[in-house]
Amino acid sequence: MLRKGLILGFVLGVMVLSTKAQQAGVVEVSRDTLIAILQNFRAEHEINPTATRTVSLGPKVVDKSKASRVKRKGFRVQIYSGSNRNDAYAAQSRFRSQYTDMDAYINYDEPNYRVKVGDFTSRTEANNFMRTLRNQFSSVFVFQEDIWVWE
């Protein structure tokens, strides 16, 4: 009986100590000095520098007479979604009259027609264009899908 009491007391003591260690909230971090020396060396010689440098080459100009259109993953802006075919074609023609340099596509997913515009390679470009279309069209959203690009 005494032996069982000692074992129970020991187990409870270990549990109390472990909970106190968790409640202290103190974390010790031991950092090797060689890592700090290596990080300083890499920063001085610009090997994987901590600050990223952004280089902009400007937009890539493609000679369309020598290039071909290929499908890539990209983004389009939807400007119309509804079941009326005439409204879909009206939205497409209204868009084409305002933006002659950009393509507009009509898809029919039963029972709705969807008009999507543009061939954007980044979501940022599509979001910026969506913001300009918000006051011209009622339901404007960005979708990821296959787009046509010149290469």
C-alpha atoms as a PDB file:
ATOM      1  CA  MET A   1       0.000   0.000   0.000  1.00  0.00           C
ATOM      2  CA  LEU A   2       2.814   2.346   0.917  1.00  0.00           C
ATOM      3  CA  ARG A   3       4.566   1.409  -2.274  1.00  0.00           C
ATOM      4  CA  LYS A   4       1.485   2.263  -4.369  1.00  0.00           C
ATOM      5  CA  GLY A   5       1.217   5.609  -2.584  1.00  0.00           C
ATOM      6  CA  LEU A   6       4.867   6.436  -3.320  1.00  0.00           C
ATOM      7  CA  ILE A   7       4.460   5.554  -7.002  1.00  0.00           C
ATOM      8  CA  LEU A   8       1.272   7.619  -7.256  1.00  0.00           C
ATOM      9  CA  GLY A   9       2.963  10.525  -5.497  1.00  0.00           C
ATOM     10  CA  PHE A  10       5.943  10.318  -7.828  1.00  0.00           C
ATOM     11  CA  VAL A  11       3.715  10.288 -10.936  1.00  0.00           C
ATOM     12  CA  LEU A  12       1.695  13.252  -9.680  1.00  0.00           C
ATOM     13  CA  GLY A  13       4.913  15.141  -8.851  1.00  0.00           C
ATOM     14  CA  VAL A  14       6.252  14.619 -12.382  1.00  0.00           C
ATOM     15  CA  MET A  15       2.957  15.799 -13.861  1.00  0.00           C
ATOM     16  CA  VAL A  16       2.968  18.951 -11.708  1.00  0.00           C
ATOM     17  CA  LEU A  17       6.541  19.753 -12.686  1.00  0.00           C
ATOM     18  CA  SER A  18       5.822  19.257 -16.377  1.00  0.00           C
ATOM     19  CA  THR A  19       2.793  21.570 -16.238  1.00  0.00           C
ATOM     20  CA  LYS A  20       4.811  24.231 -14.427  1.00  0.00           C
ATOM     21  CA  ALA A  21       7.486  23.998 -17.107  1.00  0.00           C
ATOM     22  CA  GLN A  22       4.852  24.581 -19.772  1.00  0.00           C
ATOM     23  CA  GLN A  23       3.309  27.514 -17.917  1.00  0.00           C
ATOM     24  CA  ALA A  24       6.588  29.370 -17.533  1.00  0.00           C
ATOM     25  CA  GLY A  25       6.500  30.519 -21.168  1.00  0.00           C
ATOM     26  CA  VAL A  26      10.264  30.853 -21.346  1.00  0.00           C
ATOM     27  CA  VAL A  27      11.898  29.532 -24.486  1.00  0.00           C
ATOM     28  CA  GLU A  28      15.630  29.216 -24.690  1.00  0.00           C
ATOM     29  CA  VAL A  29      17.146  29.516 -28.133  1.00  0.00           C
ATOM     30  CA  SER A  30      20.691  28.391 -28.471  1.00  0.00           C
ATOM     31  CA  ARG A  31      22.218  29.859 -31.601  1.00  0.00           C
ATOM     32  CA  ASP A  32      25.442  28.563 -33.005  1.00  0.00           C
ATOM     33  CA  THR A  33      27.968  31.353 -33.660  1.00  0.00           C
ATOM     34  CA  LEU A  34      29.048  29.686 -36.899  1.00  0.00           C
ATOM     35  CA  ILE A  35      25.564  30.236 -38.346  1.00  0.00           C
ATOM     36  CA  ALA A  36      25.760  33.978 -37.624  1.00  0.00           C
ATOM     37  CA  ILE A  37      29.218  34.134 -39.257  1.00  0.00           C
ATOM     38  CA  LEU A  38      27.920  32.256 -42.305  1.00  0.00           C
ATOM     39  CA  GLN A  39      24.898  34.557 -42.621  1.00  0.00           C
ATOM     40  CA  ASN A  40      27.102  37.657 -42.445  1.00  0.00           C
ATOM     41  CA  PHE A  41      29.479  36.212 -45.055  1.00  0.00           C
ATOM     42  CA  ARG A  42      26.601  35.401 -47.421  1.00  0.00           C
ATOM     43  CA  ALA A  43      25.095  38.881 -46.973  1.00  0.00           C
ATOM     44  CA  GLU A  44      28.437  40.609 -47.684  1.00  0.00           C
ATOM     45  CA  HIS A  45      29.017  38.559 -50.856  1.00  0.00           C
ATOM     46  CA  GLU A  46      25.332  38.757 -51.938  1.00  0.00           C
ATOM     47  CA  ILE A  47      24.861  35.007 -51.856  1.00  0.00           C
ATOM     48  CA  ASN A  48      21.127  34.577 -51.228  1.00  0.00           C
ATOM     49  CA  PRO A  49      20.804  38.132 -49.892  1.00  0.00           C
ATOM     50  CA  THR A  50      18.074  38.797 -47.344  1.00  0.00           C
ATOM     51  CA  ALA A  51      16.683  41.776 -49.281  1.00  0.00           C
ATOM     52  CA  THR A  52      15.218  40.890 -52.661  1.00  0.00           C
ATOM     53  CA  ARG A  53      16.152  43.058 -55.571  1.00  0.00           C
ATOM     54  CA  THR A  54      13.483  43.610 -58.199  1.00  0.00           C
ATOM     55  CA  VAL A  55      14.595  44.170 -61.751  1.00  0.00           C
ATOM     56  CA  SER A  56      12.039  45.310 -64.282  1.00  0.00           C
ATOM     57  CA  LEU A  57      12.761  44.691 -67.924  1.00  0.00           C
ATOM     58  CA  GLY A  58       9.540  46.321 -69.067  1.00  0.00           C
ATOM     59  CA  PRO A  59       6.866  44.651 -71.119  1.00  0.00           C
ATOM     60  CA  LYS A  60       8.041  42.064 -73.601  1.00  0.00           C
ATOM     61  CA  VAL A  61       7.357  43.232 -77.137  1.00  0.00           C
ATOM     62  CA  VAL A  62       6.375  40.387 -79.445  1.00  0.00           C
ATOM     63  CA  ASP A  63       6.483  40.656 -83.221  1.00  0.00           C
ATOM     64  CA  LYS A  64       3.075  39.226 -84.092  1.00  0.00           C
ATOM     65  CA  SER A  65       4.024  38.610 -87.725  1.00  0.00           C
ATOM     66  CA  LYS A  66       6.641  36.038 -86.609  1.00  0.00           C
ATOM     67  CA  ALA A  67       4.877  34.766 -83.475  1.00  0.00           C
ATOM     68  CA  SER A  68       2.087  32.285 -83.001  1.00  0.00           C
ATOM     69  CA  ARG A  69      -0.814  32.190 -80.550  1.00  0.00           C
ATOM     70  CA  VAL A  70      -0.625  29.470 -77.916  1.00  0.00           C
ATOM     71  CA  LYS A  71      -2.801  28.533 -74.957  1.00  0.00           C
ATOM     72  CA  ARG A  72      -1.479  29.172 -71.452  1.00  0.00           C
ATOM     73  CA  LYS A  73      -2.998  29.353 -67.985  1.00  0.00           C
ATOM     74  CA  GLY A  74      -4.058  32.896 -67.257  1.00  0.00           C
ATOM     75  CA  PHE A  75      -6.948  35.120 -66.251  1.00  0.00           C
ATOM     76  CA  ARG A  76     -10.004  36.703 -67.836  1.00  0.00           C
ATOM     77  CA  VAL A  77     -12.547  39.203 -66.565  1.00  0.00           C
ATOM     78  CA  GLN A  78     -16.200  38.199 -66.798  1.00  0.00           C
ATOM     79  CA  ILE A  79     -18.475  41.115 -67.682  1.00  0.00           C
ATOM     80  CA  TYR A  80     -21.790  39.310 -68.230  1.00  0.00           C
ATOM     81  CA  SER A  81     -23.512  36.155 -67.017  1.00  0.00           C
ATOM     82  CA  GLY A  82     -27.140  35.387 -67.794  1.00  0.00           C
ATOM     83  CA  SER A  83     -29.552  33.264 -69.754  1.00  0.00           C
ATOM     84  CA  ASN A  84     -30.397  35.875 -72.416  1.00  0.00           C
ATOM     85  CA  ARG A  85     -28.352  35.383 -75.591  1.00  0.00           C
ATOM     86  CA  ASN A  86     -29.127  38.846 -76.975  1.00  0.00           C
ATOM     87  CA  ASP A  87     -27.917  40.523 -73.772  1.00  0.00           C
ATOM     88  CA  ALA A  88     -24.677  38.528 -73.936  1.00  0.00           C
ATOM     89  CA  TYR A  89     -23.968  39.620 -77.520  1.00  0.00           C
ATOM     90  CA  ALA A  90     -24.949  43.200 -76.636  1.00  0.00           C
ATOM     91  CA  ALA A  91     -22.457  43.213 -73.746  1.00  0.00           C
ATOM     92  CA  GLN A  92     -19.764  41.805 -76.035  1.00  0.00           C
ATOM     93  CA  SER A  93     -20.358  44.427 -78.738  1.00  0.00           C
ATOM     94  CA  ARG A  94     -20.509  47.248 -76.162  1.00  0.00           C
ATOM     95  CA  PHE A  95     -17.163  46.093 -74.758  1.00  0.00           C
ATOM     96  CA  ARG A  96     -15.581  45.756 -78.215  1.00  0.00           C
ATOM     97  CA  SER A  97     -16.683  49.278 -79.151  1.00  0.00           C
ATOM     98  CA  GLN A  98     -14.959  50.694 -76.051  1.00  0.00           C
ATOM     99  CA  TYR A  99     -11.850  48.464 -76.066  1.00  0.00           C
ATOM    100  CA  THR A 100     -10.905  47.686 -79.664  1.00  0.00           C
ATOM    101  CA  ASP A 101      -7.505  46.227 -78.797  1.00  0.00           C
ATOM    102  CA  MET A 102      -8.844  43.524 -76.441  1.00  0.00           C
ATOM    103  CA  ASP A 103     -10.642  40.277 -77.234  1.00  0.00           C
ATOM    104  CA  ALA A 104     -14.065  39.282 -75.859  1.00  0.00           C
ATOM    105  CA  TYR A 105     -15.229  35.683 -75.653  1.00  0.00           C
ATOM    106  CA  ILE A 106     -18.728  34.221 -75.240  1.00  0.00           C
ATOM    107  CA  ASN A 107     -19.181  30.815 -73.597  1.00  0.00           C
ATOM    108  CA  TYR A 108     -22.451  28.966 -73.238  1.00  0.00           C
ATOM    109  CA  ASP A 109     -22.683  26.808 -70.129  1.00  0.00           C
ATOM    110  CA  GLU A 110     -26.292  25.701 -70.039  1.00  0.00           C
ATOM    111  CA  PRO A 111     -28.409  27.648 -69.131  1.00  0.00           C
ATOM    112  CA  ASN A 112     -26.130  30.729 -68.956  1.00  0.00           C
ATOM    113  CA  TYR A 113     -24.113  32.759 -71.408  1.00  0.00           C
ATOM    114  CA  ARG A 114     -20.883  34.195 -70.071  1.00  0.00           C
ATOM    115  CA  VAL A 115     -18.902  37.020 -71.643  1.00  0.00           C
ATOM    116  CA  LYS A 116     -15.252  37.109 -70.610  1.00  0.00           C
ATOM    117  CA  VAL A 117     -12.685  39.597 -71.821  1.00  0.00           C
ATOM    118  CA  GLY A 118      -8.933  39.880 -71.995  1.00  0.00           C
ATOM    119  CA  ASP A 119      -5.988  37.523 -71.925  1.00  0.00           C
ATOM    120  CA  PHE A 120      -4.091  38.398 -68.752  1.00  0.00           C
ATOM    121  CA  THR A 121      -1.003  36.496 -67.644  1.00  0.00           C
ATOM    122  CA  SER A 122      -1.197  37.718 -64.033  1.00  0.00           C
ATOM    123  CA  ARG A 123      -4.041  38.119 -61.582  1.00  0.00           C
ATOM    124  CA  THR A 124      -2.838  41.634 -60.766  1.00  0.00           C
ATOM    125  CA  GLU A 125      -3.377  42.790 -64.352  1.00  0.00           C
ATOM    126  CA  ALA A 126      -6.837  41.221 -64.406  1.00  0.00           C
ATOM    127  CA  ASN A 127      -7.799  42.796 -61.064  1.00  0.00           C
ATOM    128  CA  ASN A 128      -6.663  46.235 -62.221  1.00  0.00           C
ATOM    129  CA  PHE A 129      -8.692  45.922 -65.418  1.00  0.00           C
ATOM    130  CA  MET A 130     -11.677  44.616 -63.433  1.00  0.00           C
ATOM    131  CA  ARG A 131     -11.624  47.789 -61.328  1.00  0.00           C
ATOM    132  CA  THR A 132     -11.876  49.942 -64.469  1.00  0.00           C
ATOM    133  CA  LEU A 133     -14.845  47.897 -65.720  1.00  0.00           C
ATOM    134  CA  ARG A 134     -16.796  47.948 -62.432  1.00  0.00           C
ATOM    135  CA  ASN A 135     -18.712  51.156 -63.211  1.00  0.00           C
ATOM    136  CA  GLN A 136     -19.473  50.078 -66.820  1.00  0.00           C
ATOM    137  CA  PHE A 137     -20.746  46.512 -66.257  1.00  0.00           C
ATOM    138  CA  SER A 138     -22.861  45.107 -63.422  1.00  0.00           C
ATOM    139  CA  SER A 139     -21.337  41.712 -62.594  1.00  0.00           C
ATOM    140  CA  VAL A 140     -17.567  41.792 -62.997  1.00  0.00           C
ATOM    141  CA  PHE A 141     -15.356  38.953 -61.745  1.00  0.00           C
ATOM    142  CA  VAL A 142     -11.876  37.539 -62.429  1.00  0.00           C
ATOM    143  CA  PHE A 143     -11.594  33.890 -63.500  1.00  0.00           C
ATOM    144  CA  GLN A 144      -8.594  31.666 -64.061  1.00  0.00           C
ATOM    145  CA  GLU A 145      -8.707  29.760 -67.338  1.00  0.00           C
ATOM    146  CA  ASP A 146      -6.807  29.040 -70.541  1.00  0.00           C
ATOM    147  CA  ILE A 147      -5.887  32.202 -72.427  1.00  0.00           C
ATOM    148  CA  TRP A 148      -4.300  32.946 -75.793  1.00  0.00           C
ATOM    149  CA  VAL A 149      -0.856  34.594 -75.776  1.00  0.00           C
ATOM    150  CA  TRP A 150       1.597  35.483 -78.519  1.00  0.00           C
ATOM    151  CA  GLU A 151       4.972  33.705 -78.407  1.00  0.00           C
END
